Amino acid sequence: KQWNIVIETYQKGGDGVVLSPQALYRLSKSLAFRGDVRAELGQKKKLESSLLGAVDDYKKAIEIGSSPETQIKLGTVYSALGRYAEAEEKFSGIIAGNVGNEVRARAYN
């Protein structure tokens, strides 16, 4: 519930919240963190609705401030949903981007 409050506050841009680069970064991170929670819940309890919520959160986070780690997480959730072509696309994009051995290794673990 707290993630929802943070995300809704930033998205509305009201209540004195200034949408500075730092605020957008925080919004992206908050979306990714909420996506992590939804993905974990969806995988543990086999809840497709939670996995789909994670997909939405990760996509929004990537749209605001893409990071290789969020791309990998999105690919992992696609894989959990059986959407293997989309998962492969995310993982291949990370590898093609040559973002480093550590991130590349995580894409396939």
PDB file of N, CA and C in Angstrom:
ATOM      1  N   LYS A   1       0.820  -1.197   0.000  1.00  0.00           N
ATOM      2  CA  LYS A   1       0.000   0.000   0.000  1.00  0.00           C
ATOM      3  C   LYS A   1       0.865   1.262   0.000  1.00  0.00           C
ATOM      4  N   GLN A   2       1.973   1.231   0.722  1.00  0.00           N
ATOM      5  CA  GLN A   2       2.849   2.404   0.773  1.00  0.00           C
ATOM      6  C   GLN A   2       3.438   2.722  -0.590  1.00  0.00           C
ATOM      7  N   TRP A   3       3.781   1.668  -1.375  1.00  0.00           N
ATOM      8  CA  TRP A   3       4.297   1.923  -2.722  1.00  0.00           C
ATOM      9  C   TRP A   3       3.251   2.656  -3.537  1.00  0.00           C
ATOM     10  N   ASN A   4       1.996   2.247  -3.410  1.00  0.00           N
ATOM     11  CA  ASN A   4       0.920   2.896  -4.157  1.00  0.00           C
ATOM     12  C   ASN A   4       0.816   4.373  -3.815  1.00  0.00           C
ATOM     13  N   ILE A   5       0.947   4.705  -2.546  1.00  0.00           N
ATOM     14  CA  ILE A   5       0.867   6.105  -2.108  1.00  0.00           C
ATOM     15  C   ILE A   5       1.999   6.915  -2.726  1.00  0.00           C
ATOM     16  N   VAL A   6       3.209   6.387  -2.655  1.00  0.00           N
ATOM     17  CA  VAL A   6       4.368   7.097  -3.219  1.00  0.00           C
ATOM     18  C   VAL A   6       4.194   7.295  -4.719  1.00  0.00           C
ATOM     19  N   ILE A   7       3.825   6.238  -5.414  1.00  0.00           N
ATOM     20  CA  ILE A   7       3.694   6.296  -6.869  1.00  0.00           C
ATOM     21  C   ILE A   7       2.577   7.245  -7.283  1.00  0.00           C
ATOM     22  N   GLU A   8       1.438   7.149  -6.630  1.00  0.00           N
ATOM     23  CA  GLU A   8       0.318   8.029  -6.970  1.00  0.00           C
ATOM     24  C   GLU A   8       0.664   9.492  -6.701  1.00  0.00           C
ATOM     25  N   THR A   9       1.378   9.756  -5.622  1.00  0.00           N
ATOM     26  CA  THR A   9       1.765  11.134  -5.304  1.00  0.00           C
ATOM     27  C   THR A   9       2.668  11.701  -6.388  1.00  0.00           C
ATOM     28  N   TYR A  10       3.671  10.929  -6.790  1.00  0.00           N
ATOM     29  CA  TYR A  10       4.577  11.408  -7.833  1.00  0.00           C
ATOM     30  C   TYR A  10       3.867  11.560  -9.173  1.00  0.00           C
ATOM     31  N   GLN A  11       2.988  10.620  -9.496  1.00  0.00           N
ATOM     32  CA  GLN A  11       2.313  10.680 -10.787  1.00  0.00           C
ATOM     33  C   GLN A  11       1.362  11.869 -10.872  1.00  0.00           C
ATOM     34  N   LYS A  12       0.724  12.197  -9.770  1.00  0.00           N
ATOM     35  CA  LYS A  12      -0.179  13.348  -9.771  1.00  0.00           C
ATOM     36  C   LYS A  12       0.591  14.650  -9.874  1.00  0.00           C
ATOM     37  N   GLY A  13       1.775  14.679  -9.283  1.00  0.00           N
ATOM     38  CA  GLY A  13       2.586  15.893  -9.323  1.00  0.00           C
ATOM     39  C   GLY A  13       2.034  16.994  -8.433  1.00  0.00           C
ATOM     40  N   GLY A  14       1.062  16.711  -7.639  1.00  0.00           N
ATOM     41  CA  GLY A  14       0.473  17.711  -6.743  1.00  0.00           C
ATOM     42  C   GLY A  14       1.117  17.646  -5.372  1.00  0.00           C
ATOM     43  N   ASP A  15       0.470  18.286  -4.441  1.00  0.00           N
ATOM     44  CA  ASP A  15       0.928  18.280  -3.044  1.00  0.00           C
ATOM     45  C   ASP A  15       2.360  18.788  -2.903  1.00  0.00           C
ATOM     46  N   GLY A  16       2.763  19.712  -3.733  1.00  0.00           N
ATOM     47  CA  GLY A  16       4.087  20.303  -3.619  1.00  0.00           C
ATOM     48  C   GLY A  16       5.212  19.446  -4.158  1.00  0.00           C
ATOM     49  N   VAL A  17       4.882  18.335  -4.800  1.00  0.00           N
ATOM     50  CA  VAL A  17       5.912  17.472  -5.359  1.00  0.00           C
ATOM     51  C   VAL A  17       6.373  18.068  -6.679  1.00  0.00           C
ATOM     52  N   VAL A  18       7.648  18.345  -6.758  1.00  0.00           N
ATOM     53  CA  VAL A  18       8.231  18.901  -7.980  1.00  0.00           C
ATOM     54  C   VAL A  18       8.788  17.739  -8.798  1.00  0.00           C
ATOM     55  N   LEU A  19       8.401  17.662 -10.051  1.00  0.00           N
ATOM     56  CA  LEU A  19       8.883  16.572 -10.891  1.00  0.00           C
ATOM     57  C   LEU A  19      10.243  16.916 -11.492  1.00  0.00           C
ATOM     58  N   SER A  20      11.206  16.942 -10.625  1.00  0.00           N
ATOM     59  CA  SER A  20      12.590  17.182 -11.009  1.00  0.00           C
ATOM     60  C   SER A  20      13.188  15.868 -11.510  1.00  0.00           C
ATOM     61  N   PRO A  21      14.389  15.911 -12.043  1.00  0.00           N
ATOM     62  CA  PRO A  21      15.033  14.656 -12.439  1.00  0.00           C
ATOM     63  C   PRO A  21      15.149  13.672 -11.267  1.00  0.00           C
ATOM     64  N   GLN A  22      15.398  14.194 -10.075  1.00  0.00           N
ATOM     65  CA  GLN A  22      15.489  13.328  -8.897  1.00  0.00           C
ATOM     66  C   GLN A  22      14.132  12.691  -8.587  1.00  0.00           C
ATOM     67  N   ALA A  23      13.052  13.459  -8.734  1.00  0.00           N
ATOM     68  CA  ALA A  23      11.713  12.926  -8.472  1.00  0.00           C
ATOM     69  C   ALA A  23      11.364  11.845  -9.492  1.00  0.00           C
ATOM     70  N   LEU A  24      11.717  12.070 -10.750  1.00  0.00           N
ATOM     71  CA  LEU A  24      11.459  11.056 -11.773  1.00  0.00           C
ATOM     72  C   LEU A  24      12.271   9.794 -11.505  1.00  0.00           C
ATOM     73  N   TYR A  25      13.504   9.975 -11.058  1.00  0.00           N
ATOM     74  CA  TYR A  25      14.339   8.828 -10.698  1.00  0.00           C
ATOM     75  C   TYR A  25      13.681   8.045  -9.557  1.00  0.00           C
ATOM     76  N   ARG A  26      13.209   8.760  -8.547  1.00  0.00           N
ATOM     77  CA  ARG A  26      12.548   8.101  -7.414  1.00  0.00           C
ATOM     78  C   ARG A  26      11.267   7.394  -7.848  1.00  0.00           C
ATOM     79  N   LEU A  27      10.525   8.009  -8.752  1.00  0.00           N
ATOM     80  CA  LEU A  27       9.314   7.374  -9.262  1.00  0.00           C
ATOM     81  C   LEU A  27       9.667   6.083  -9.989  1.00  0.00           C
ATOM     82  N   SER A  28      10.688   6.134 -10.829  1.00  0.00           N
ATOM     83  CA  SER A  28      11.126   4.944 -11.542  1.00  0.00           C
ATOM     84  C   SER A  28      11.545   3.849 -10.567  1.00  0.00           C
ATOM     85  N   LYS A  29      12.309   4.203  -9.549  1.00  0.00           N
ATOM     86  CA  LYS A  29      12.750   3.232  -8.549  1.00  0.00           C
ATOM     87  C   LYS A  29      11.566   2.678  -7.766  1.00  0.00           C
ATOM     88  N   SER A  30      10.609   3.538  -7.414  1.00  0.00           N
ATOM     89  CA  SER A  30       9.435   3.084  -6.671  1.00  0.00           C
ATOM     90  C   SER A  30       8.610   2.102  -7.495  1.00  0.00           C
ATOM     91  N   LEU A  31       8.442   2.406  -8.773  1.00  0.00           N
ATOM     92  CA  LEU A  31       7.718   1.490  -9.656  1.00  0.00           C
ATOM     93  C   LEU A  31       8.443   0.146  -9.744  1.00  0.00           C
ATOM     94  N   ALA A  32       9.762   0.197  -9.870  1.00  0.00           N
ATOM     95  CA  ALA A  32      10.543  -1.037  -9.960  1.00  0.00           C
ATOM     96  C   ALA A  32      10.446  -1.834  -8.656  1.00  0.00           C
ATOM     97  N   PHE A  33      10.508  -1.157  -7.518  1.00  0.00           N
ATOM     98  CA  PHE A  33      10.390  -1.854  -6.239  1.00  0.00           C
ATOM     99  C   PHE A  33       9.008  -2.485  -6.082  1.00  0.00           C
ATOM    100  N   ARG A  34       7.969  -1.763  -6.462  1.00  0.00           N
ATOM    101  CA  ARG A  34       6.628  -2.342  -6.389  1.00  0.00           C
ATOM    102  C   ARG A  34       6.527  -3.525  -7.359  1.00  0.00           C
ATOM    103  N   GLY A  35       7.150  -3.389  -8.523  1.00  0.00           N
ATOM    104  CA  GLY A  35       7.191  -4.508  -9.462  1.00  0.00           C
ATOM    105  C   GLY A  35       7.871  -5.723  -8.858  1.00  0.00           C
ATOM    106  N   ASP A  36       8.947  -5.495  -8.088  1.00  0.00           N
ATOM    107  CA  ASP A  36       9.639  -6.602  -7.426  1.00  0.00           C
ATOM    108  C   ASP A  36       8.703  -7.338  -6.475  1.00  0.00           C
ATOM    109  N   VAL A  37       7.951  -6.573  -5.694  1.00  0.00           N
ATOM    110  CA  VAL A  37       7.024  -7.173  -4.733  1.00  0.00           C
ATOM    111  C   VAL A  37       5.946  -7.969  -5.461  1.00  0.00           C
ATOM    112  N   ARG A  38       5.383  -7.375  -6.496  1.00  0.00           N
ATOM    113  CA  ARG A  38       4.337  -8.070  -7.259  1.00  0.00           C
ATOM    114  C   ARG A  38       4.878  -9.316  -7.946  1.00  0.00           C
ATOM    115  N   ALA A  39       6.083  -9.222  -8.497  1.00  0.00           N
ATOM    116  CA  ALA A  39       6.677 -10.369  -9.186  1.00  0.00           C
ATOM    117  C   ALA A  39       6.923 -11.514  -8.209  1.00  0.00           C
ATOM    118  N   GLU A  40       7.468 -11.185  -7.059  1.00  0.00           N
ATOM    119  CA  GLU A  40       7.742 -12.223  -6.064  1.00  0.00           C
ATOM    120  C   GLU A  40       6.443 -12.873  -5.582  1.00  0.00           C
ATOM    121  N   LEU A  41       5.454 -12.058  -5.289  1.00  0.00           N
ATOM    122  CA  LEU A  41       4.160 -12.576  -4.864  1.00  0.00           C
ATOM    123  C   LEU A  41       3.541 -13.451  -5.956  1.00  0.00           C
ATOM    124  N   GLY A  42       3.596 -12.967  -7.184  1.00  0.00           N
ATOM    125  CA  GLY A  42       3.026 -13.716  -8.302  1.00  0.00           C
ATOM    126  C   GLY A  42       3.704 -15.052  -8.517  1.00  0.00           C
ATOM    127  N   GLN A  43       5.031 -15.080  -8.370  1.00  0.00           N
ATOM    128  CA  GLN A  43       5.763 -16.325  -8.585  1.00  0.00           C
ATOM    129  C   GLN A  43       5.535 -17.303  -7.439  1.00  0.00           C
ATOM    130  N   LYS A  44       5.508 -16.813  -6.214  1.00  0.00           N
ATOM    131  CA  LYS A  44       5.342 -17.699  -5.064  1.00  0.00           C
ATOM    132  C   LYS A  44       3.928 -18.252  -4.957  1.00  0.00           C
ATOM    133  N   LYS A  45       2.935 -17.425  -5.257  1.00  0.00           N
ATOM    134  CA  LYS A  45       1.543 -17.839  -5.088  1.00  0.00           C
ATOM    135  C   LYS A  45       0.868 -18.190  -6.413  1.00  0.00           C
ATOM    136  N   LYS A  46       1.651 -18.157  -7.494  1.00  0.00           N
ATOM    137  CA  LYS A  46       1.132 -18.461  -8.834  1.00  0.00           C
ATOM    138  C   LYS A  46      -0.057 -17.564  -9.193  1.00  0.00           C
ATOM    139  N   LEU A  47       0.110 -16.269  -8.920  1.00  0.00           N
ATOM    140  CA  LEU A  47      -0.937 -15.291  -9.210  1.00  0.00           C
ATOM    141  C   LEU A  47      -0.592 -14.526 -10.478  1.00  0.00           C
ATOM    142  N   GLU A  48      -1.288 -14.835 -11.561  1.00  0.00           N
ATOM    143  CA  GLU A  48      -1.028 -14.159 -12.824  1.00  0.00           C
ATOM    144  C   GLU A  48      -1.303 -12.665 -12.715  1.00  0.00           C
ATOM    145  N   SER A  49      -2.306 -12.285 -11.935  1.00  0.00           N
ATOM    146  CA  SER A  49      -2.637 -10.862 -11.806  1.00  0.00           C
ATOM    147  C   SER A  49      -1.476 -10.081 -11.186  1.00  0.00           C
ATOM    148  N   SER A  50      -0.779 -10.674 -10.239  1.00  0.00           N
ATOM    149  CA  SER A  50       0.381 -10.006  -9.640  1.00  0.00           C
ATOM    150  C   SER A  50       1.523  -9.906 -10.640  1.00  0.00           C
ATOM    151  N   LEU A  51       1.726 -10.967 -11.421  1.00  0.00           N
ATOM    152  CA  LEU A  51       2.773 -10.932 -12.438  1.00  0.00           C
ATOM    153  C   LEU A  51       2.476  -9.877 -13.494  1.00  0.00           C
ATOM    154  N   LEU A  52       1.217  -9.773 -13.898  1.00  0.00           N
ATOM    155  CA  LEU A  52       0.838  -8.751 -14.879  1.00  0.00           C
ATOM    156  C   LEU A  52       1.003  -7.349 -14.294  1.00  0.00           C
ATOM    157  N   GLY A  53       0.725  -7.190 -13.001  1.00  0.00           N
ATOM    158  CA  GLY A  53       0.965  -5.916 -12.329  1.00  0.00           C
ATOM    159  C   GLY A  53       2.447  -5.568 -12.324  1.00  0.00           C
ATOM    160  N   ALA A  54       3.284  -6.589 -12.114  1.00  0.00           N
ATOM    161  CA  ALA A  54       4.734  -6.375 -12.152  1.00  0.00           C
ATOM    162  C   ALA A  54       5.174  -5.928 -13.538  1.00  0.00           C
ATOM    163  N   VAL A  55       4.619  -6.553 -14.576  1.00  0.00           N
ATOM    164  CA  VAL A  55       4.938  -6.163 -15.960  1.00  0.00           C
ATOM    165  C   VAL A  55       4.613  -4.687 -16.159  1.00  0.00           C
ATOM    166  N   ASP A  56       3.436  -4.269 -15.720  1.00  0.00           N
ATOM    167  CA  ASP A  56       3.049  -2.859 -15.867  1.00  0.00           C
ATOM    168  C   ASP A  56       4.003  -1.931 -15.133  1.00  0.00           C
ATOM    169  N   ASP A  57       4.347  -2.299 -13.894  1.00  0.00           N
ATOM    170  CA  ASP A  57       5.260  -1.462 -13.113  1.00  0.00           C
ATOM    171  C   ASP A  57       6.634  -1.377 -13.763  1.00  0.00           C
ATOM    172  N   TYR A  58       7.170  -2.509 -14.186  1.00  0.00           N
ATOM    173  CA  TYR A  58       8.488  -2.514 -14.824  1.00  0.00           C
ATOM    174  C   TYR A  58       8.484  -1.703 -16.116  1.00  0.00           C
ATOM    175  N   LYS A  59       7.433  -1.841 -16.915  1.00  0.00           N
ATOM    176  CA  LYS A  59       7.358  -1.075 -18.167  1.00  0.00           C
ATOM    177  C   LYS A  59       7.333   0.428 -17.883  1.00  0.00           C
ATOM    178  N   LYS A  60       6.555   0.840 -16.896  1.00  0.00           N
ATOM    179  CA  LYS A  60       6.502   2.269 -16.541  1.00  0.00           C
ATOM    180  C   LYS A  60       7.850   2.742 -16.023  1.00  0.00           C
ATOM    181  N   ALA A  61       8.494   1.916 -15.192  1.00  0.00           N
ATOM    182  CA  ALA A  61       9.811   2.282 -14.656  1.00  0.00           C
ATOM    183  C   ALA A  61      10.823   2.445 -15.785  1.00  0.00           C
ATOM    184  N   ILE A  62      10.787   1.540 -16.760  1.00  0.00           N
ATOM    185  CA  ILE A  62      11.709   1.596 -17.890  1.00  0.00           C
ATOM    186  C   ILE A  62      11.437   2.826 -18.746  1.00  0.00           C
ATOM    187  N   GLU A  63      10.176   3.146 -18.899  1.00  0.00           N
ATOM    188  CA  GLU A  63       9.809   4.324 -19.688  1.00  0.00           C
ATOM    189  C   GLU A  63      10.367   5.607 -19.066  1.00  0.00           C
ATOM    190  N   ILE A  64      10.364   5.662 -17.751  1.00  0.00           N
ATOM    191  CA  ILE A  64      10.847   6.854 -17.040  1.00  0.00           C
ATOM    192  C   ILE A  64      12.358   6.884 -16.979  1.00  0.00           C
ATOM    193  N   GLY A  65      12.950   5.775 -16.620  1.00  0.00           N
ATOM    194  CA  GLY A  65      14.405   5.727 -16.455  1.00  0.00           C
ATOM    195  C   GLY A  65      14.896   4.301 -16.607  1.00  0.00           C
ATOM    196  N   SER A  66      15.175   3.911 -17.825  1.00  0.00           N
ATOM    197  CA  SER A  66      15.554   2.528 -18.109  1.00  0.00           C
ATOM    198  C   SER A  66      16.851   2.144 -17.407  1.00  0.00           C
ATOM    199  N   SER A  67      16.854   0.932 -16.885  1.00  0.00           N
ATOM    200  CA  SER A  67      18.077   0.370 -16.322  1.00  0.00           C
ATOM    201  C   SER A  67      18.175  -1.082 -16.755  1.00  0.00           C
ATOM    202  N   PRO A  68      19.376  -1.580 -16.942  1.00  0.00           N
ATOM    203  CA  PRO A  68      19.531  -2.980 -17.353  1.00  0.00           C
ATOM    204  C   PRO A  68      18.884  -3.945 -16.359  1.00  0.00           C
ATOM    205  N   GLU A  69      18.995  -3.638 -15.077  1.00  0.00           N
ATOM    206  CA  GLU A  69      18.433  -4.538 -14.069  1.00  0.00           C
ATOM    207  C   GLU A  69      16.917  -4.625 -14.180  1.00  0.00           C
ATOM    208  N   THR A  70      16.260  -3.507 -14.433  1.00  0.00           N
ATOM    209  CA  THR A  70      14.801  -3.522 -14.580  1.00  0.00           C
ATOM    210  C   THR A  70      14.417  -4.262 -15.847  1.00  0.00           C
ATOM    211  N   GLN A  71      15.206  -4.117 -16.902  1.00  0.00           N
ATOM    212  CA  GLN A  71      14.961  -4.863 -18.142  1.00  0.00           C
ATOM    213  C   GLN A  71      15.043  -6.373 -17.876  1.00  0.00           C
ATOM    214  N   ILE A  72      16.037  -6.791 -17.107  1.00  0.00           N
ATOM    215  CA  ILE A  72      16.200  -8.206 -16.771  1.00  0.00           C
ATOM    216  C   ILE A  72      15.012  -8.697 -15.947  1.00  0.00           C
ATOM    217  N   LYS A  73      14.590  -7.887 -14.990  1.00  0.00           N
ATOM    218  CA  LYS A  73      13.445  -8.278 -14.159  1.00  0.00           C
ATOM    219  C   LYS A  73      12.190  -8.423 -15.010  1.00  0.00           C
ATOM    220  N   LEU A  74      11.999  -7.520 -15.955  1.00  0.00           N
ATOM    221  CA  LEU A  74      10.844  -7.615 -16.847  1.00  0.00           C
ATOM    222  C   LEU A  74      10.930  -8.893 -17.673  1.00  0.00           C
ATOM    223  N   GLY A  75      12.100  -9.197 -18.187  1.00  0.00           N
ATOM    224  CA  GLY A  75      12.286 -10.431 -18.940  1.00  0.00           C
ATOM    225  C   GLY A  75      11.995 -11.670 -18.100  1.00  0.00           C
ATOM    226  N   THR A  76      12.397 -11.639 -16.849  1.00  0.00           N
ATOM    227  CA  THR A  76      12.152 -12.758 -15.942  1.00  0.00           C
ATOM    228  C   THR A  76      10.659 -12.958 -15.710  1.00  0.00           C
ATOM    229  N   VAL A  77       9.921 -11.865 -15.549  1.00  0.00           N
ATOM    230  CA  VAL A  77       8.476 -11.971 -15.343  1.00  0.00           C
ATOM    231  C   VAL A  77       7.796 -12.459 -16.625  1.00  0.00           C
ATOM    232  N   TYR A  78       8.250 -11.955 -17.776  1.00  0.00           N
ATOM    233  CA  TYR A  78       7.716 -12.465 -19.040  1.00  0.00           C
ATOM    234  C   TYR A  78       7.896 -13.988 -19.107  1.00  0.00           C
ATOM    235  N   SER A  79       9.060 -14.450 -18.706  1.00  0.00           N
ATOM    236  CA  SER A  79       9.340 -15.881 -18.719  1.00  0.00           C
ATOM    237  C   SER A  79       8.399 -16.631 -17.779  1.00  0.00           C
ATOM    238  N   ALA A  80       8.163 -16.086 -16.584  1.00  0.00           N
ATOM    239  CA  ALA A  80       7.250 -16.715 -15.622  1.00  0.00           C
ATOM    240  C   ALA A  80       5.825 -16.787 -16.169  1.00  0.00           C
ATOM    241  N   LEU A  81       5.479 -15.830 -17.022  1.00  0.00           N
ATOM    242  CA  LEU A  81       4.148 -15.817 -17.635  1.00  0.00           C
ATOM    243  C   LEU A  81       4.069 -16.691 -18.889  1.00  0.00           C
ATOM    244  N   GLY A  82       5.209 -17.276 -19.277  1.00  0.00           N
ATOM    245  CA  GLY A  82       5.235 -18.090 -20.484  1.00  0.00           C
ATOM    246  C   GLY A  82       5.353 -17.274 -21.758  1.00  0.00           C
ATOM    247  N   ARG A  83       5.703 -16.011 -21.614  1.00  0.00           N
ATOM    248  CA  ARG A  83       5.849 -15.116 -22.766  1.00  0.00           C
ATOM    249  C   ARG A  83       7.337 -15.095 -23.154  1.00  0.00           C
ATOM    250  N   TYR A  84       7.776 -16.231 -23.667  1.00  0.00           N
ATOM    251  CA  TYR A  84       9.202 -16.455 -23.878  1.00  0.00           C
ATOM    252  C   TYR A  84       9.815 -15.576 -24.964  1.00  0.00           C
ATOM    253  N   ALA A  85       9.083 -15.272 -26.000  1.00  0.00           N
ATOM    254  CA  ALA A  85       9.628 -14.412 -27.063  1.00  0.00           C
ATOM    255  C   ALA A  85       9.928 -13.019 -26.519  1.00  0.00           C
ATOM    256  N   GLU A  86       9.020 -12.502 -25.684  1.00  0.00           N
ATOM    257  CA  GLU A  86       9.250 -11.179 -25.087  1.00  0.00           C
ATOM    258  C   GLU A  86      10.400 -11.223 -24.080  1.00  0.00           C
ATOM    259  N   ALA A  87      10.493 -12.326 -23.342  1.00  0.00           N
ATOM    260  CA  ALA A  87      11.602 -12.489 -22.395  1.00  0.00           C
ATOM    261  C   ALA A  87      12.932 -12.511 -23.135  1.00  0.00           C
ATOM    262  N   GLU A  88      12.986 -13.305 -24.202  1.00  0.00           N
ATOM    263  CA  GLU A  88      14.219 -13.405 -24.995  1.00  0.00           C
ATOM    264  C   GLU A  88      14.613 -12.052 -25.572  1.00  0.00           C
ATOM    265  N   GLU A  89      13.616 -11.281 -26.004  1.00  0.00           N
ATOM    266  CA  GLU A  89      13.888  -9.951 -26.548  1.00  0.00           C
ATOM    267  C   GLU A  89      14.555  -9.059 -25.500  1.00  0.00           C
ATOM    268  N   LYS A  90      14.046  -9.098 -24.271  1.00  0.00           N
ATOM    269  CA  LYS A  90      14.630  -8.283 -23.195  1.00  0.00           C
ATOM    270  C   LYS A  90      16.054  -8.734 -22.891  1.00  0.00           C
ATOM    271  N   PHE A  91      16.241 -10.061 -22.732  1.00  0.00           N
ATOM    272  CA  PHE A  91      17.567 -10.569 -22.406  1.00  0.00           C
ATOM    273  C   PHE A  91      18.562 -10.296 -23.536  1.00  0.00           C
ATOM    274  N   SER A  92      18.141 -10.487 -24.770  1.00  0.00           N
ATOM    275  CA  SER A  92      19.022 -10.247 -25.911  1.00  0.00           C
ATOM    276  C   SER A  92      19.408  -8.781 -26.008  1.00  0.00           C
ATOM    277  N   GLY A  93      18.461  -7.902 -25.694  1.00  0.00           N
ATOM    278  CA  GLY A  93      18.752  -6.468 -25.712  1.00  0.00           C
ATOM    279  C   GLY A  93      19.828  -6.087 -24.715  1.00  0.00           C
ATOM    280  N   ILE A  94      19.790  -6.712 -23.549  1.00  0.00           N
ATOM    281  CA  ILE A  94      20.804  -6.441 -22.527  1.00  0.00           C
ATOM    282  C   ILE A  94      22.159  -6.947 -22.995  1.00  0.00           C
ATOM    283  N   ILE A  95      22.186  -8.142 -23.527  1.00  0.00           N
ATOM    284  CA  ILE A  95      23.450  -8.718 -23.984  1.00  0.00           C
ATOM    285  C   ILE A  95      24.011  -7.907 -25.153  1.00  0.00           C
ATOM    286  N   ALA A  96      23.154  -7.534 -26.087  1.00  0.00           N
ATOM    287  CA  ALA A  96      23.600  -6.750 -27.242  1.00  0.00           C
ATOM    288  C   ALA A  96      24.101  -5.380 -26.817  1.00  0.00           C
ATOM    289  N   GLY A  97      23.540  -4.854 -25.737  1.00  0.00           N
ATOM    290  CA  GLY A  97      23.959  -3.551 -25.241  1.00  0.00           C
ATOM    291  C   GLY A  97      25.308  -3.574 -24.556  1.00  0.00           C
ATOM    292  N   ASN A  98      25.839  -4.798 -24.326  1.00  0.00           N
ATOM    293  CA  ASN A  98      27.164  -4.956 -23.729  1.00  0.00           C
ATOM    294  C   ASN A  98      27.317  -4.123 -22.469  1.00  0.00           C
ATOM    295  N   VAL A  99      26.412  -4.335 -21.518  1.00  0.00           N
ATOM    296  CA  VAL A  99      26.423  -3.519 -20.301  1.00  0.00           C
ATOM    297  C   VAL A  99      27.298  -4.092 -19.198  1.00  0.00           C
ATOM    298  N   GLY A 100      28.059  -5.103 -19.498  1.00  0.00           N
ATOM    299  CA  GLY A 100      28.986  -5.633 -18.504  1.00  0.00           C
ATOM    300  C   GLY A 100      28.690  -7.079 -18.157  1.00  0.00           C
ATOM    301  N   ASN A 101      29.727  -7.762 -17.742  1.00  0.00           N
ATOM    302  CA  ASN A 101      29.602  -9.193 -17.453  1.00  0.00           C
ATOM    303  C   ASN A 101      28.646  -9.487 -16.319  1.00  0.00           C
ATOM    304  N   GLU A 102      28.627  -8.642 -15.292  1.00  0.00           N
ATOM    305  CA  GLU A 102      27.770  -8.902 -14.128  1.00  0.00           C
ATOM    306  C   GLU A 102      26.307  -8.895 -14.528  1.00  0.00           C
ATOM    307  N   VAL A 103      25.887  -7.869 -15.257  1.00  0.00           N
ATOM    308  CA  VAL A 103      24.488  -7.777 -15.674  1.00  0.00           C
ATOM    309  C   VAL A 103      24.185  -8.865 -16.691  1.00  0.00           C
ATOM    310  N   ARG A 104      25.108  -9.117 -17.596  1.00  0.00           N
ATOM    311  CA  ARG A 104      24.899 -10.139 -18.614  1.00  0.00           C
ATOM    312  C   ARG A 104      24.688 -11.501 -17.962  1.00  0.00           C
ATOM    313  N   ALA A 105      25.452 -11.801 -16.951  1.00  0.00           N
ATOM    314  CA  ALA A 105      25.322 -13.080 -16.266  1.00  0.00           C
ATOM    315  C   ALA A 105      23.968 -13.195 -15.574  1.00  0.00           C
ATOM    316  N   ARG A 106      23.501 -12.114 -14.993  1.00  0.00           N
ATOM    317  CA  ARG A 106      22.209 -12.147 -14.304  1.00  0.00           C
ATOM    318  C   ARG A 106      21.055 -12.361 -15.264  1.00  0.00           C
ATOM    319  N   ALA A 107      21.222 -11.997 -16.523  1.00  0.00           N
ATOM    320  CA  ALA A 107      20.138 -12.152 -17.493  1.00  0.00           C
ATOM    321  C   ALA A 107      19.801 -13.625 -17.705  1.00  0.00           C
ATOM    322  N   TYR A 108      20.753 -14.493 -17.491  1.00  0.00           N
ATOM    323  CA  TYR A 108      20.509 -15.910 -17.729  1.00  0.00           C
ATOM    324  C   TYR A 108      20.556 -16.749 -16.456  1.00  0.00           C
ATOM    325  N   ASN A 109      20.536 -16.122 -15.306  1.00  0.00           N
ATOM    326  CA  ASN A 109      20.497 -16.856 -14.027  1.00  0.00           C
ATOM    327  C   ASN A 109      19.212 -16.635 -13.323  1.00  0.00           C
TER     328      ASN A 109
END
